[in-house]
Amino acid sequence: MSGAPYIRVGFLGFGTVGSGAYRMLEDNREAIARKVGAEIEVVRIGVRDEAKKRCASPSLLTTDLGSVVDHREIDVIVEAMGGLDPAGELIERALRRGKHVVTANKELIARRGAELVGLAARQGLDLHYEAAVGGGIPLIQPIKHQLAGNDILRMAGILNGTTNLILSRMTDEGEPLETVLAEAQGKGYAEADPSSDVDGHDVQFKLAILSSVAFGKAVRPEQIYREGIRGIEQADIAYAKTLGYVIKLLGIVEAVEGGSILGRVHPTLLPKAHPLAAVGGVYNALCLRGDFVGDVTFMGRGAGGEATGSAVVGDLIDVCRNMRIGGSGDAAPFSGEANARPIEELTSAYYVRVVVPDRPLVLGAIATIFGRRNVSLSAMEMRVIDTKLNHGEIAFLTHRCLEADLRQAVEELRHAPEVLRVCNWIRVETL
């Protein structure tokens, strides 16, 4: 193929991401051809509904997805369908037929990435998936190439635009989560079933991919602890502001002793001076720490057809360049599976909010419970929430402690006569 004037491409899926990539290929055709050294020609597009109006010629469309993969003249498959099936079977089929693959499918790469990357490597083929994480923000390639000489020590990021938009609106406008979520669904920012976003599954998939690339070992989504944002209330937002923090849904992974990792997805209190604290709306960002490079931050649009389509086309150009020079593929297999440590081994600071009766000795009893579990307090805010019942609310910040100890303290608080309710507890990041 290195001397051919055309490199022929087939698309699987032509929704927001697929059509965005196609428009970029068409609009920037001449510039892309100069960069590749060959014309990129889209010869077949697999869709579920041929009758739906598209930005491509109807003559390119087919509902026979297998025919795209089996097309003898197609060199590269661009998969933009999403989901595990039939996308996984089709990508495997394409690789076995000697076709390079570019995909934006985060769930598939998170769950089957090690298997598919290994297959691509054995076939001497490219399997690129930059668009699966971070939309238009380049994350995979810098970790695989420019930062490859570093031992990655830690990554922490805002990796879901929908939840970041919701939490930003809750912070800026004082609306409850349910109201903001309904508005986001009405405007198309959130799906009718928002569970993948608000329950943290989307970030869990993306963090599994990033962790696998960064640490060179396969990390399954189930090895990453996950919490969503459904439990965040306006009271938590308000206390966070008062204490000098904002609340963000973060994906965090770090290297720990013995070559293991500890990965987690959960709401987090961030100091207002933290680089991620000011990342608002649908924007995404990742802070990465390498042993030689130090701290590096990537930020940009994390979703949308144009941003994600841009990442797809970038991967496609990379694949086509490799084909032109006879490259042997860019699918580095992972060396086994990562050893992931449980969340109970995390050491962190924490925010805890409780409702208590407003009477003497309550604070002392709570402090005794924390102290008994090796948890020391660093800050506290109080307010009266019901003058008739004489109930108050207290928000605590702790010093860094072992999560197993904090969980035991919270459980003891739930059963203490001095505590009416444990409303919430959230991990706290430090600078």
Protein backbone atom coordinates (compact mmCIF):
# COMPACT_ATOMS: atom_id res chain seq x y z
CA MET A 1 0.00 0.00 0.00
CA SER A 2 2.94 2.39 0.44
CA GLY A 3 2.93 3.44 -3.24
CA ALA A 4 -0.85 3.65 -3.69
CA PRO A 5 -2.39 7.05 -4.47
CA TYR A 6 -5.43 6.29 -2.30
CA ILE A 7 -5.99 4.82 1.14
CA ARG A 8 -9.52 3.51 1.37
CA VAL A 9 -11.57 3.76 4.54
CA GLY A 10 -14.81 2.22 5.76
CA PHE A 11 -16.96 3.63 8.58
CA LEU A 12 -18.98 1.59 11.07
CA GLY A 13 -21.51 3.99 12.55
CA PHE A 14 -22.31 7.48 11.36
CA GLY A 15 -23.77 9.34 14.30
CA THR A 16 -22.35 12.45 15.92
CA VAL A 17 -18.74 11.20 16.02
CA GLY A 18 -18.68 9.40 12.68
CA SER A 19 -20.28 12.25 10.77
CA GLY A 20 -17.99 14.75 12.50
CA ALA A 21 -14.93 12.81 11.36
CA TYR A 22 -16.32 12.48 7.84
CA ARG A 23 -16.96 16.24 7.56
CA MET A 24 -13.39 16.97 8.63
CA LEU A 25 -12.05 14.54 6.03
CA GLU A 26 -14.13 16.28 3.36
CA ASP A 27 -13.56 19.89 4.42
CA ASN A 28 -9.79 19.47 4.94
CA ARG A 29 -9.24 16.95 2.15
CA GLU A 30 -6.29 18.68 0.46
CA ALA A 31 -4.42 19.53 3.66
CA ILE A 32 -4.88 15.97 4.98
CA ALA A 33 -3.65 14.48 1.68
CA ARG A 34 -0.50 16.59 1.91
CA LYS A 35 0.14 15.43 5.47
CA VAL A 36 -0.44 11.77 4.62
CA GLY A 37 1.11 11.71 1.17
CA ALA A 38 -1.99 10.03 -0.24
CA GLU A 39 -5.70 10.70 -0.72
CA ILE A 40 -8.02 9.25 1.94
CA GLU A 41 -11.16 7.94 0.26
CA VAL A 42 -14.24 6.85 2.21
CA VAL A 43 -15.73 4.01 0.17
CA ARG A 44 -18.34 2.50 2.49
CA ILE A 45 -20.35 3.63 5.55
CA GLY A 46 -22.22 1.11 7.66
CA VAL A 47 -25.42 2.50 9.26
CA ARG A 48 -28.50 1.14 10.95
CA ASP A 49 -30.96 3.24 8.89
CA GLU A 50 -30.19 4.03 5.23
CA ALA A 51 -33.23 6.29 4.95
CA LYS A 52 -32.00 8.78 7.53
CA LYS A 53 -30.64 11.99 6.04
CA ARG A 54 -26.83 12.05 6.19
CA CYS A 55 -23.98 14.38 5.24
CA ALA A 56 -22.57 11.66 2.94
CA SER A 57 -23.78 10.37 -0.43
CA PRO A 58 -26.48 7.69 -0.13
CA SER A 59 -24.41 5.55 -2.51
CA LEU A 60 -21.84 5.07 0.29
CA LEU A 61 -24.38 3.79 2.83
CA THR A 62 -25.18 0.21 3.72
CA THR A 63 -26.95 -1.54 6.57
CA ASP A 64 -24.80 -4.62 6.01
CA LEU A 65 -22.07 -3.85 8.55
CA GLY A 66 -20.20 -7.05 7.81
CA SER A 67 -19.81 -6.04 4.17
CA VAL A 68 -17.83 -2.97 5.27
CA VAL A 69 -15.38 -5.10 7.24
CA ASP A 70 -15.14 -7.69 4.43
CA HIS A 71 -14.73 -5.12 1.61
CA ARG A 72 -11.55 -6.19 -0.20
CA GLU A 73 -10.42 -2.66 -1.07
CA ILE A 74 -10.86 -1.11 2.39
CA ASP A 75 -7.58 -0.62 4.26
CA VAL A 76 -8.79 1.05 7.49
CA ILE A 77 -11.97 0.64 9.52
CA VAL A 78 -13.24 3.59 11.56
CA GLU A 79 -15.58 2.30 14.27
CA ALA A 80 -17.91 4.93 15.74
CA MET A 81 -20.88 2.75 16.76
CA GLY A 82 -20.24 2.44 20.49
CA GLY A 83 -21.19 -0.44 22.77
CA LEU A 84 -19.76 -3.92 23.06
CA ASP A 85 -21.75 -5.73 20.36
CA PRO A 86 -21.62 -5.92 17.42
CA ALA A 87 -18.70 -3.45 17.50
CA GLY A 88 -16.33 -5.86 19.24
CA GLU A 89 -16.96 -8.73 16.86
CA LEU A 90 -16.61 -6.42 13.84
CA ILE A 91 -13.31 -4.91 15.03
CA GLU A 92 -11.88 -8.37 15.73
CA ARG A 93 -13.03 -9.48 12.27
CA ALA A 94 -11.42 -6.45 10.65
CA LEU A 95 -8.08 -7.09 12.38
CA ARG A 96 -8.11 -10.75 11.36
CA ARG A 97 -8.69 -9.61 7.77
CA GLY A 98 -5.59 -7.42 7.91
CA LYS A 99 -7.31 -4.04 8.29
CA HIS A 100 -6.12 -1.28 10.58
CA VAL A 101 -8.71 0.07 13.04
CA VAL A 102 -9.49 3.46 14.54
CA THR A 103 -12.17 3.50 17.24
CA ALA A 104 -13.86 5.95 19.59
CA ASN A 105 -15.46 3.16 21.64
CA LYS A 106 -14.48 3.67 25.29
CA GLU A 107 -16.52 0.80 26.74
CA LEU A 108 -15.15 -1.70 24.24
CA ILE A 109 -11.52 -0.64 24.72
CA ALA A 110 -11.96 -0.57 28.50
CA ARG A 111 -13.36 -4.10 28.56
CA ARG A 112 -11.63 -5.79 25.62
CA GLY A 113 -8.72 -3.48 24.88
CA ALA A 114 -5.97 -5.85 26.04
CA GLU A 115 -7.32 -8.65 23.84
CA LEU A 116 -7.81 -6.46 20.74
CA VAL A 117 -4.52 -4.60 21.14
CA GLY A 118 -2.75 -7.95 21.44
CA LEU A 119 -4.45 -9.21 18.28
CA ALA A 120 -3.47 -6.05 16.38
CA ALA A 121 0.13 -6.38 17.53
CA ARG A 122 0.32 -10.01 16.37
CA GLN A 123 -1.11 -8.96 13.00
CA GLY A 124 1.34 -6.06 12.68
CA LEU A 125 -1.56 -3.61 12.51
CA ASP A 126 -2.52 -0.30 14.05
CA LEU A 127 -5.35 -0.08 16.56
CA HIS A 128 -5.78 3.53 17.65
CA TYR A 129 -8.32 4.76 20.21
CA GLU A 130 -7.40 8.36 21.08
CA ALA A 131 -11.03 9.44 20.67
CA ALA A 132 -12.21 6.96 23.32
CA VAL A 133 -10.87 9.21 26.10
CA GLY A 134 -11.03 12.98 26.34
CA GLY A 135 -12.78 13.75 23.04
CA GLY A 136 -10.59 16.28 21.28
CA ILE A 137 -7.92 16.38 24.00
CA PRO A 138 -4.81 14.37 23.04
CA LEU A 139 -4.14 12.05 25.98
CA ILE A 140 -3.37 8.54 24.74
CA GLN A 141 -0.67 9.49 22.23
CA PRO A 142 1.30 11.76 24.61
CA ILE A 143 1.31 9.03 27.26
CA LYS A 144 2.33 6.36 24.72
CA HIS A 145 5.01 8.46 23.04
CA GLN A 146 6.16 11.85 24.35
CA LEU A 147 5.91 10.80 28.02
CA ALA A 148 6.89 7.15 27.50
CA GLY A 149 10.27 7.59 29.24
CA ASN A 150 8.57 8.59 32.49
CA ASP A 151 7.21 6.38 35.20
CA ILE A 152 3.68 7.75 35.60
CA LEU A 153 3.12 8.36 39.29
CA ARG A 154 -0.39 9.77 39.29
CA MET A 155 -3.24 10.97 37.08
CA ALA A 156 -6.30 12.94 38.16
CA GLY A 157 -8.87 14.30 35.77
CA ILE A 158 -12.30 15.62 34.92
CA LEU A 159 -13.21 13.10 32.23
CA ASN A 160 -16.97 13.57 31.76
CA GLY A 161 -18.40 16.80 30.38
CA THR A 162 -22.00 16.10 31.40
CA THR A 163 -21.27 15.72 35.12
CA ASN A 164 -18.86 18.65 35.03
CA LEU A 165 -21.59 20.81 33.49
CA ILE A 166 -24.09 19.68 36.13
CA LEU A 167 -21.75 20.36 39.06
CA SER A 168 -20.70 23.72 37.54
CA ARG A 169 -24.34 24.78 37.24
CA MET A 170 -25.12 23.60 40.77
CA THR A 171 -22.17 25.66 42.03
CA ASP A 172 -22.81 28.80 40.00
CA GLU A 173 -26.62 28.93 40.10
CA GLY A 174 -27.58 27.11 43.29
CA GLU A 175 -29.95 24.68 41.59
CA PRO A 176 -30.44 21.11 42.88
CA LEU A 177 -29.00 18.23 40.89
CA GLU A 178 -32.38 16.98 39.68
CA THR A 179 -33.26 20.36 38.14
CA VAL A 180 -29.91 20.81 36.43
CA LEU A 181 -29.94 17.23 35.12
CA ALA A 182 -33.42 17.68 33.62
CA GLU A 183 -32.29 20.88 31.87
CA ALA A 184 -29.14 19.14 30.56
CA GLN A 185 -31.30 16.33 29.17
CA GLY A 186 -33.62 18.86 27.53
CA LYS A 187 -30.68 20.52 25.77
CA GLY A 188 -29.12 17.24 24.66
CA TYR A 189 -26.09 17.40 26.98
CA ALA A 190 -27.29 14.38 28.96
CA GLU A 191 -28.90 11.17 27.71
CA ALA A 192 -32.48 10.18 28.55
CA ASP A 193 -30.86 7.48 30.72
CA PRO A 194 -28.06 9.47 32.36
CA SER A 195 -26.71 6.64 34.52
CA SER A 196 -23.49 6.16 32.53
CA ASP A 197 -22.58 9.78 33.25
CA VAL A 198 -24.01 10.58 36.68
CA ASP A 199 -23.16 7.18 38.21
CA GLY A 200 -19.55 7.40 37.04
CA HIS A 201 -19.44 4.48 34.57
CA ASP A 202 -18.21 6.70 31.71
CA VAL A 203 -15.27 7.97 33.76
CA GLN A 204 -14.55 4.45 35.01
CA PHE A 205 -14.16 3.20 31.42
CA LYS A 206 -11.94 6.14 30.46
CA LEU A 207 -9.76 5.83 33.54
CA ALA A 208 -9.31 2.10 32.89
CA ILE A 209 -8.01 2.90 29.39
CA LEU A 210 -5.69 5.67 30.57
CA SER A 211 -4.38 3.49 33.39
CA SER A 212 -3.67 0.58 31.05
CA VAL A 213 -1.68 2.82 28.70
CA ALA A 214 0.14 4.69 31.48
CA PHE A 215 1.17 1.64 33.50
CA GLY A 216 1.54 -0.85 30.64
CA LYS A 217 -0.74 -3.43 32.25
CA ALA A 218 -4.38 -4.18 31.51
CA VAL A 219 -6.70 -2.48 33.99
CA ARG A 220 -10.29 -3.71 34.02
CA PRO A 221 -13.08 -1.19 34.81
CA GLU A 222 -14.07 -3.35 37.80
CA GLN A 223 -10.62 -2.76 39.32
CA ILE A 224 -11.44 0.93 39.66
CA TYR A 225 -13.61 2.05 42.58
CA ARG A 226 -16.66 4.05 41.41
CA GLU A 227 -19.13 6.52 42.90
CA GLY A 228 -21.36 8.95 41.01
CA ILE A 229 -22.74 12.39 41.81
CA ARG A 230 -26.36 11.54 42.71
CA GLY A 231 -25.66 12.07 46.42
CA ILE A 232 -24.32 15.63 46.04
CA GLU A 233 -26.68 18.20 47.58
CA GLN A 234 -26.67 21.99 47.60
CA ALA A 235 -25.63 21.90 51.24
CA ASP A 236 -22.41 20.12 50.22
CA ILE A 237 -21.77 22.70 47.49
CA ALA A 238 -22.33 25.54 49.99
CA TYR A 239 -20.07 24.08 52.68
CA ALA A 240 -17.38 23.40 50.10
CA LYS A 241 -17.46 27.08 49.05
CA THR A 242 -17.25 28.25 52.65
CA LEU A 243 -14.30 25.97 53.34
CA GLY A 244 -12.46 27.08 50.18
CA TYR A 245 -13.27 24.16 47.86
CA VAL A 246 -15.31 23.20 44.81
CA ILE A 247 -16.79 19.76 44.12
CA LYS A 248 -15.83 17.88 40.94
CA LEU A 249 -16.29 14.30 39.76
CA LEU A 250 -12.72 13.04 39.32
CA GLY A 251 -11.05 9.95 37.99
CA ILE A 252 -7.82 9.37 39.91
CA VAL A 253 -5.21 6.63 39.63
CA GLU A 254 -1.83 6.42 41.31
CA ALA A 255 1.06 4.02 41.57
CA VAL A 256 1.38 2.49 45.03
CA GLU A 257 3.98 0.27 46.68
CA GLY A 258 4.81 -3.09 45.17
CA GLY A 259 4.01 -2.13 41.58
CA SER A 260 0.27 -1.92 42.24
CA ILE A 261 -2.19 0.85 41.39
CA LEU A 262 -5.14 2.39 43.18
CA GLY A 263 -7.81 3.74 40.84
CA ARG A 264 -10.98 5.55 41.86
CA VAL A 265 -13.87 7.60 40.47
CA HIS A 266 -15.85 9.76 42.89
CA PRO A 267 -16.95 13.30 43.77
CA THR A 268 -14.04 15.22 45.27
CA LEU A 269 -13.53 18.49 47.15
CA LEU A 270 -10.81 20.42 45.31
CA PRO A 271 -9.04 23.49 46.72
CA LYS A 272 -9.97 26.53 44.64
CA ALA A 273 -6.29 26.96 43.71
CA HIS A 274 -6.11 23.44 42.20
CA PRO A 275 -5.61 23.40 38.37
CA LEU A 276 -8.82 21.37 37.92
CA ALA A 277 -11.00 23.58 40.13
CA ALA A 278 -11.58 26.23 37.45
CA VAL A 279 -12.41 23.73 34.66
CA GLY A 280 -16.10 24.40 34.12
CA GLY A 281 -18.98 23.47 31.82
CA VAL A 282 -18.47 20.60 29.41
CA TYR A 283 -14.68 20.95 29.42
CA ASN A 284 -12.44 18.05 30.46
CA ALA A 285 -8.91 18.11 31.88
CA LEU A 286 -6.24 15.71 33.08
CA CYS A 287 -3.37 16.42 35.47
CA LEU A 288 -0.56 13.90 35.05
CA ARG A 289 2.59 13.51 37.15
CA GLY A 290 5.69 11.78 35.77
CA ASP A 291 8.87 11.06 37.66
CA PHE A 292 10.97 13.21 35.28
CA VAL A 293 8.52 15.57 33.55
CA GLY A 294 6.78 16.56 36.79
CA ASP A 295 3.21 17.87 36.54
CA VAL A 296 1.53 18.26 33.14
CA THR A 297 -2.08 19.38 32.55
CA PHE A 298 -4.17 18.72 29.42
CA MET A 299 -7.47 20.57 28.93
CA GLY A 300 -10.06 21.01 26.17
CA ARG A 301 -13.44 19.99 24.85
CA GLY A 302 -14.07 16.48 26.02
CA ALA A 303 -17.10 15.63 23.91
CA GLY A 304 -19.11 16.56 20.84
CA GLY A 305 -18.97 15.55 17.21
CA GLU A 306 -16.33 18.02 16.10
CA ALA A 307 -13.96 17.53 19.02
CA THR A 308 -14.19 13.74 19.06
CA GLY A 309 -14.23 13.58 15.26
CA SER A 310 -10.99 15.56 15.29
CA ALA A 311 -9.36 12.88 17.46
CA VAL A 312 -10.66 10.14 15.12
CA VAL A 313 -9.17 11.88 12.08
CA GLY A 314 -5.89 12.46 13.91
CA ASP A 315 -5.64 8.72 14.59
CA LEU A 316 -6.61 7.95 11.00
CA ILE A 317 -3.87 10.22 9.67
CA ASP A 318 -1.35 8.51 11.94
CA VAL A 319 -2.43 5.09 10.66
CA CYS A 320 -2.23 6.23 7.04
CA ARG A 321 1.27 7.66 7.54
CA ASN A 322 2.40 4.34 8.99
CA MET A 323 0.94 2.56 5.97
CA ARG A 324 2.75 4.90 3.59
CA ILE A 325 6.15 4.17 5.15
CA GLY A 326 5.46 0.48 5.69
CA GLY A 327 5.25 0.82 9.46
CA SER A 328 4.78 -2.33 11.51
CA GLY A 329 1.89 -1.11 13.61
CA ASP A 330 1.42 0.95 16.74
CA ALA A 331 -0.43 -1.47 19.00
CA ALA A 332 1.82 -2.13 21.99
CA PRO A 333 0.36 -5.06 23.98
CA PHE A 334 0.02 -4.79 27.74
CA SER A 335 2.30 -6.93 29.90
CA GLY A 336 -0.26 -8.81 31.96
CA GLU A 337 -2.95 -7.46 34.27
CA ALA A 338 -2.47 -4.74 36.85
CA ASN A 339 -2.67 -5.49 40.55
CA ALA A 340 -5.23 -3.02 41.89
CA ARG A 341 -5.49 -2.14 45.57
CA PRO A 342 -8.87 -1.65 47.31
CA ILE A 343 -10.21 1.80 48.13
CA GLU A 344 -9.95 1.04 51.86
CA GLU A 345 -6.16 1.38 51.53
CA LEU A 346 -6.44 4.98 50.30
CA THR A 347 -4.98 7.71 52.48
CA SER A 348 -6.87 10.99 52.01
CA ALA A 349 -8.48 13.92 53.75
CA TYR A 350 -12.29 13.83 54.04
CA TYR A 351 -15.38 16.01 54.34
CA VAL A 352 -18.18 14.69 56.59
CA ARG A 353 -21.59 16.34 57.08
CA VAL A 354 -23.94 15.37 59.92
CA VAL A 355 -27.19 16.54 61.49
CA VAL A 356 -27.14 16.69 65.29
CA PRO A 357 -29.33 17.88 68.18
CA ASP A 358 -28.19 21.29 69.40
CA ARG A 359 -27.21 20.39 72.96
CA PRO A 360 -24.09 20.21 75.13
CA LEU A 361 -21.46 17.47 74.73
CA VAL A 362 -22.44 16.62 71.13
CA LEU A 363 -19.20 17.94 69.65
CA GLY A 364 -17.14 16.16 72.25
CA ALA A 365 -18.87 12.85 71.58
CA ILE A 366 -18.30 13.18 67.81
CA ALA A 367 -14.65 14.15 68.28
CA THR A 368 -14.21 11.11 70.54
CA ILE A 369 -15.62 8.81 67.84
CA PHE A 370 -13.26 10.24 65.23
CA GLY A 371 -10.31 10.04 67.59
CA ARG A 372 -11.06 6.45 68.50
CA ARG A 373 -10.74 5.60 64.81
CA ASN A 374 -7.45 7.50 64.32
CA VAL A 375 -9.15 10.36 62.45
CA SER A 376 -8.20 13.91 63.46
CA LEU A 377 -10.26 16.98 62.53
CA SER A 378 -8.82 20.02 60.74
CA ALA A 379 -11.82 22.34 60.22
CA MET A 380 -15.50 22.66 61.05
CA GLU A 381 -18.55 24.69 59.98
CA MET A 382 -21.89 24.75 61.84
CA ARG A 383 -25.37 26.08 61.24
CA VAL A 384 -28.86 25.75 62.75
CA ILE A 385 -31.22 24.02 60.31
CA ASP A 386 -34.42 23.70 62.40
CA THR A 387 -35.10 26.11 65.28
CA LYS A 388 -38.29 24.30 66.34
CA LEU A 389 -36.63 20.93 66.70
CA ASN A 390 -33.36 22.53 67.80
CA HIS A 391 -31.38 20.65 65.16
CA GLY A 392 -28.03 21.75 63.79
CA GLU A 393 -25.75 20.68 60.97
CA ILE A 394 -21.98 20.32 61.18
CA ALA A 395 -19.52 19.90 58.30
CA PHE A 396 -16.07 18.58 59.24
CA LEU A 397 -12.81 18.39 57.35
CA THR A 398 -10.34 15.77 58.51
CA HIS A 399 -6.60 15.51 58.23
CA ARG A 400 -5.29 12.76 55.98
CA CYS A 401 -6.17 9.31 57.28
CA LEU A 402 -6.71 5.76 56.12
CA GLU A 403 -10.06 5.29 54.39
CA ALA A 404 -10.73 2.09 56.31
CA ASP A 405 -10.52 4.13 59.53
CA LEU A 406 -12.75 6.89 58.16
CA ARG A 407 -15.39 4.36 57.10
CA GLN A 408 -15.41 2.85 60.58
CA ALA A 409 -15.81 6.30 62.11
CA VAL A 410 -18.72 7.13 59.78
CA GLU A 411 -20.41 3.84 60.60
CA GLU A 412 -20.05 4.53 64.32
CA LEU A 413 -21.46 8.04 63.82
CA ARG A 414 -24.54 6.55 62.12
CA HIS A 415 -25.37 4.67 65.34
CA ALA A 416 -24.31 7.32 67.86
CA PRO A 417 -27.14 8.87 69.95
CA GLU A 418 -25.52 12.29 69.46
CA VAL A 419 -25.90 12.08 65.64
CA LEU A 420 -29.33 12.23 64.00
CA ARG A 421 -28.07 11.61 60.47
CA VAL A 422 -24.85 11.27 58.51
CA CYS A 423 -25.76 13.24 55.39
CA ASN A 424 -22.67 12.76 53.26
CA TRP A 425 -18.94 12.16 53.24
CA ILE A 426 -16.61 13.06 50.37
CA ARG A 427 -12.89 12.67 49.71
CA VAL A 428 -10.76 15.81 49.65
CA GLU A 429 -7.81 16.46 47.33
CA THR A 430 -4.90 18.59 48.53
CA LEU A 431 -2.48 20.71 46.53
